[in-house]
């Protein structure tokens, strides 16, 4: 029998929280941008906004310095 680690318990807990969040945000919302408007599930909108924020943080981060002598 395989032993269960603390990390695996944390991962399962986070997965359960994510699933609860997803199933509570399934309703459609109206999104308007400039002259466009469309309906989409709220969870999709949340994922898109999260991904755009992540990409923006990558675009504006400071470059990593590899050589401490510079």
C-alpha atoms as a PDB file:
ATOM      1  CA  UNK A   1       0.000   0.000   0.000  1.00  0.00           C
ATOM      2  CA  UNK A   2       1.327   3.412  -0.976  1.00  0.00           C
ATOM      3  CA  UNK A   3       1.732   6.053   1.722  1.00  0.00           C
ATOM      4  CA  UNK A   4      -0.092   9.345   1.227  1.00  0.00           C
ATOM      5  CA  UNK A   5       2.095  12.421   1.652  1.00  0.00           C
ATOM      6  CA  UNK A   6       1.130  15.816   3.048  1.00  0.00           C
ATOM      7  CA  UNK A   7       1.704  17.338  -0.400  1.00  0.00           C
ATOM      8  CA  UNK A   8      -0.836  14.960  -1.949  1.00  0.00           C
ATOM      9  CA  UNK A   9      -3.397  15.864   0.725  1.00  0.00           C
ATOM     10  CA  UNK A  10      -2.867  19.575   0.003  1.00  0.00           C
ATOM     11  CA  UNK A  11      -3.253  18.965  -3.757  1.00  0.00           C
ATOM     12  CA  UNK A  12      -6.507  17.051  -3.237  1.00  0.00           C
ATOM     13  CA  UNK A  13      -7.809  19.818  -0.955  1.00  0.00           C
ATOM     14  CA  UNK A  14      -6.967  22.496  -3.519  1.00  0.00           C
ATOM     15  CA  UNK A  15      -8.614  20.444  -6.252  1.00  0.00           C
ATOM     16  CA  UNK A  16     -11.799  20.125  -4.196  1.00  0.00           C
ATOM     17  CA  UNK A  17     -11.815  23.902  -3.569  1.00  0.00           C
ATOM     18  CA  UNK A  18     -11.318  24.534  -7.293  1.00  0.00           C
ATOM     19  CA  UNK A  19     -14.190  22.219  -8.219  1.00  0.00           C
ATOM     20  CA  UNK A  20     -16.508  23.903  -5.702  1.00  0.00           C
ATOM     21  CA  UNK A  21     -15.541  27.306  -7.148  1.00  0.00           C
ATOM     22  CA  UNK A  22     -16.153  26.126 -10.720  1.00  0.00           C
ATOM     23  CA  UNK A  23     -19.564  24.619  -9.998  1.00  0.00           C
ATOM     24  CA  UNK A  24     -20.711  27.755  -8.173  1.00  0.00           C
ATOM     25  CA  UNK A  25     -19.787  29.972 -11.156  1.00  0.00           C
ATOM     26  CA  UNK A  26     -21.462  28.252 -14.087  1.00  0.00           C
ATOM     27  CA  UNK A  27     -24.088  30.902 -14.854  1.00  0.00           C
ATOM     28  CA  UNK A  28     -23.666  33.032 -17.957  1.00  0.00           C
ATOM     29  CA  UNK A  29     -22.808  36.714 -17.751  1.00  0.00           C
ATOM     30  CA  UNK A  30     -23.131  39.430 -20.377  1.00  0.00           C
ATOM     31  CA  UNK A  31     -19.739  40.818 -21.413  1.00  0.00           C
ATOM     32  CA  UNK A  32     -19.553  44.144 -23.254  1.00  0.00           C
ATOM     33  CA  UNK A  33     -16.401  45.472 -24.883  1.00  0.00           C
ATOM     34  CA  UNK A  34     -16.550  48.553 -27.116  1.00  0.00           C
ATOM     35  CA  UNK A  35     -19.248  47.741 -29.680  1.00  0.00           C
ATOM     36  CA  UNK A  36     -19.371  44.011 -28.968  1.00  0.00           C
ATOM     37  CA  UNK A  37     -21.483  42.147 -26.458  1.00  0.00           C
ATOM     38  CA  UNK A  38     -21.796  38.432 -25.832  1.00  0.00           C
ATOM     39  CA  UNK A  39     -22.711  35.903 -23.154  1.00  0.00           C
ATOM     40  CA  UNK A  40     -20.172  33.561 -21.626  1.00  0.00           C
ATOM     41  CA  UNK A  41     -19.911  31.414 -18.492  1.00  0.00           C
ATOM     42  CA  UNK A  42     -18.491  33.322 -15.534  1.00  0.00           C
ATOM     43  CA  UNK A  43     -15.765  30.732 -14.931  1.00  0.00           C
ATOM     44  CA  UNK A  44     -14.472  31.212 -18.493  1.00  0.00           C
ATOM     45  CA  UNK A  45     -14.299  34.962 -17.930  1.00  0.00           C
ATOM     46  CA  UNK A  46     -12.407  34.443 -14.669  1.00  0.00           C
ATOM     47  CA  UNK A  47      -9.893  32.129 -16.379  1.00  0.00           C
ATOM     48  CA  UNK A  48      -9.367  34.618 -19.235  1.00  0.00           C
ATOM     49  CA  UNK A  49      -8.782  37.516 -16.833  1.00  0.00           C
ATOM     50  CA  UNK A  50      -6.393  35.385 -14.752  1.00  0.00           C
ATOM     51  CA  UNK A  51      -4.427  34.391 -17.879  1.00  0.00           C
ATOM     52  CA  UNK A  52      -4.215  38.010 -19.076  1.00  0.00           C
ATOM     53  CA  UNK A  53      -2.943  39.085 -15.663  1.00  0.00           C
ATOM     54  CA  UNK A  54      -0.337  36.333 -15.694  1.00  0.00           C
ATOM     55  CA  UNK A  55       0.845  37.317 -19.178  1.00  0.00           C
ATOM     56  CA  UNK A  56       1.002  40.984 -18.145  1.00  0.00           C
ATOM     57  CA  UNK A  57       3.150  40.071 -15.126  1.00  0.00           C
ATOM     58  CA  UNK A  58       5.525  38.159 -17.412  1.00  0.00           C
ATOM     59  CA  UNK A  59       5.722  41.081 -19.830  1.00  0.00           C
ATOM     60  CA  UNK A  60       6.548  43.668 -17.164  1.00  0.00           C
ATOM     61  CA  UNK A  61       8.847  41.736 -14.834  1.00  0.00           C
ATOM     62  CA  UNK A  62      12.449  42.741 -14.298  1.00  0.00           C
ATOM     63  CA  UNK A  63      15.046  40.725 -16.214  1.00  0.00           C
ATOM     64  CA  UNK A  64      16.792  38.037 -14.241  1.00  0.00           C
ATOM     65  CA  UNK A  65      20.480  38.665 -13.661  1.00  0.00           C
ATOM     66  CA  UNK A  66      22.526  35.481 -13.919  1.00  0.00           C
ATOM     67  CA  UNK A  67      26.017  36.892 -13.337  1.00  0.00           C
ATOM     68  CA  UNK A  68      26.376  38.528  -9.896  1.00  0.00           C
ATOM     69  CA  UNK A  69      29.520  40.336 -11.139  1.00  0.00           C
ATOM     70  CA  UNK A  70      27.617  42.627 -13.529  1.00  0.00           C
END
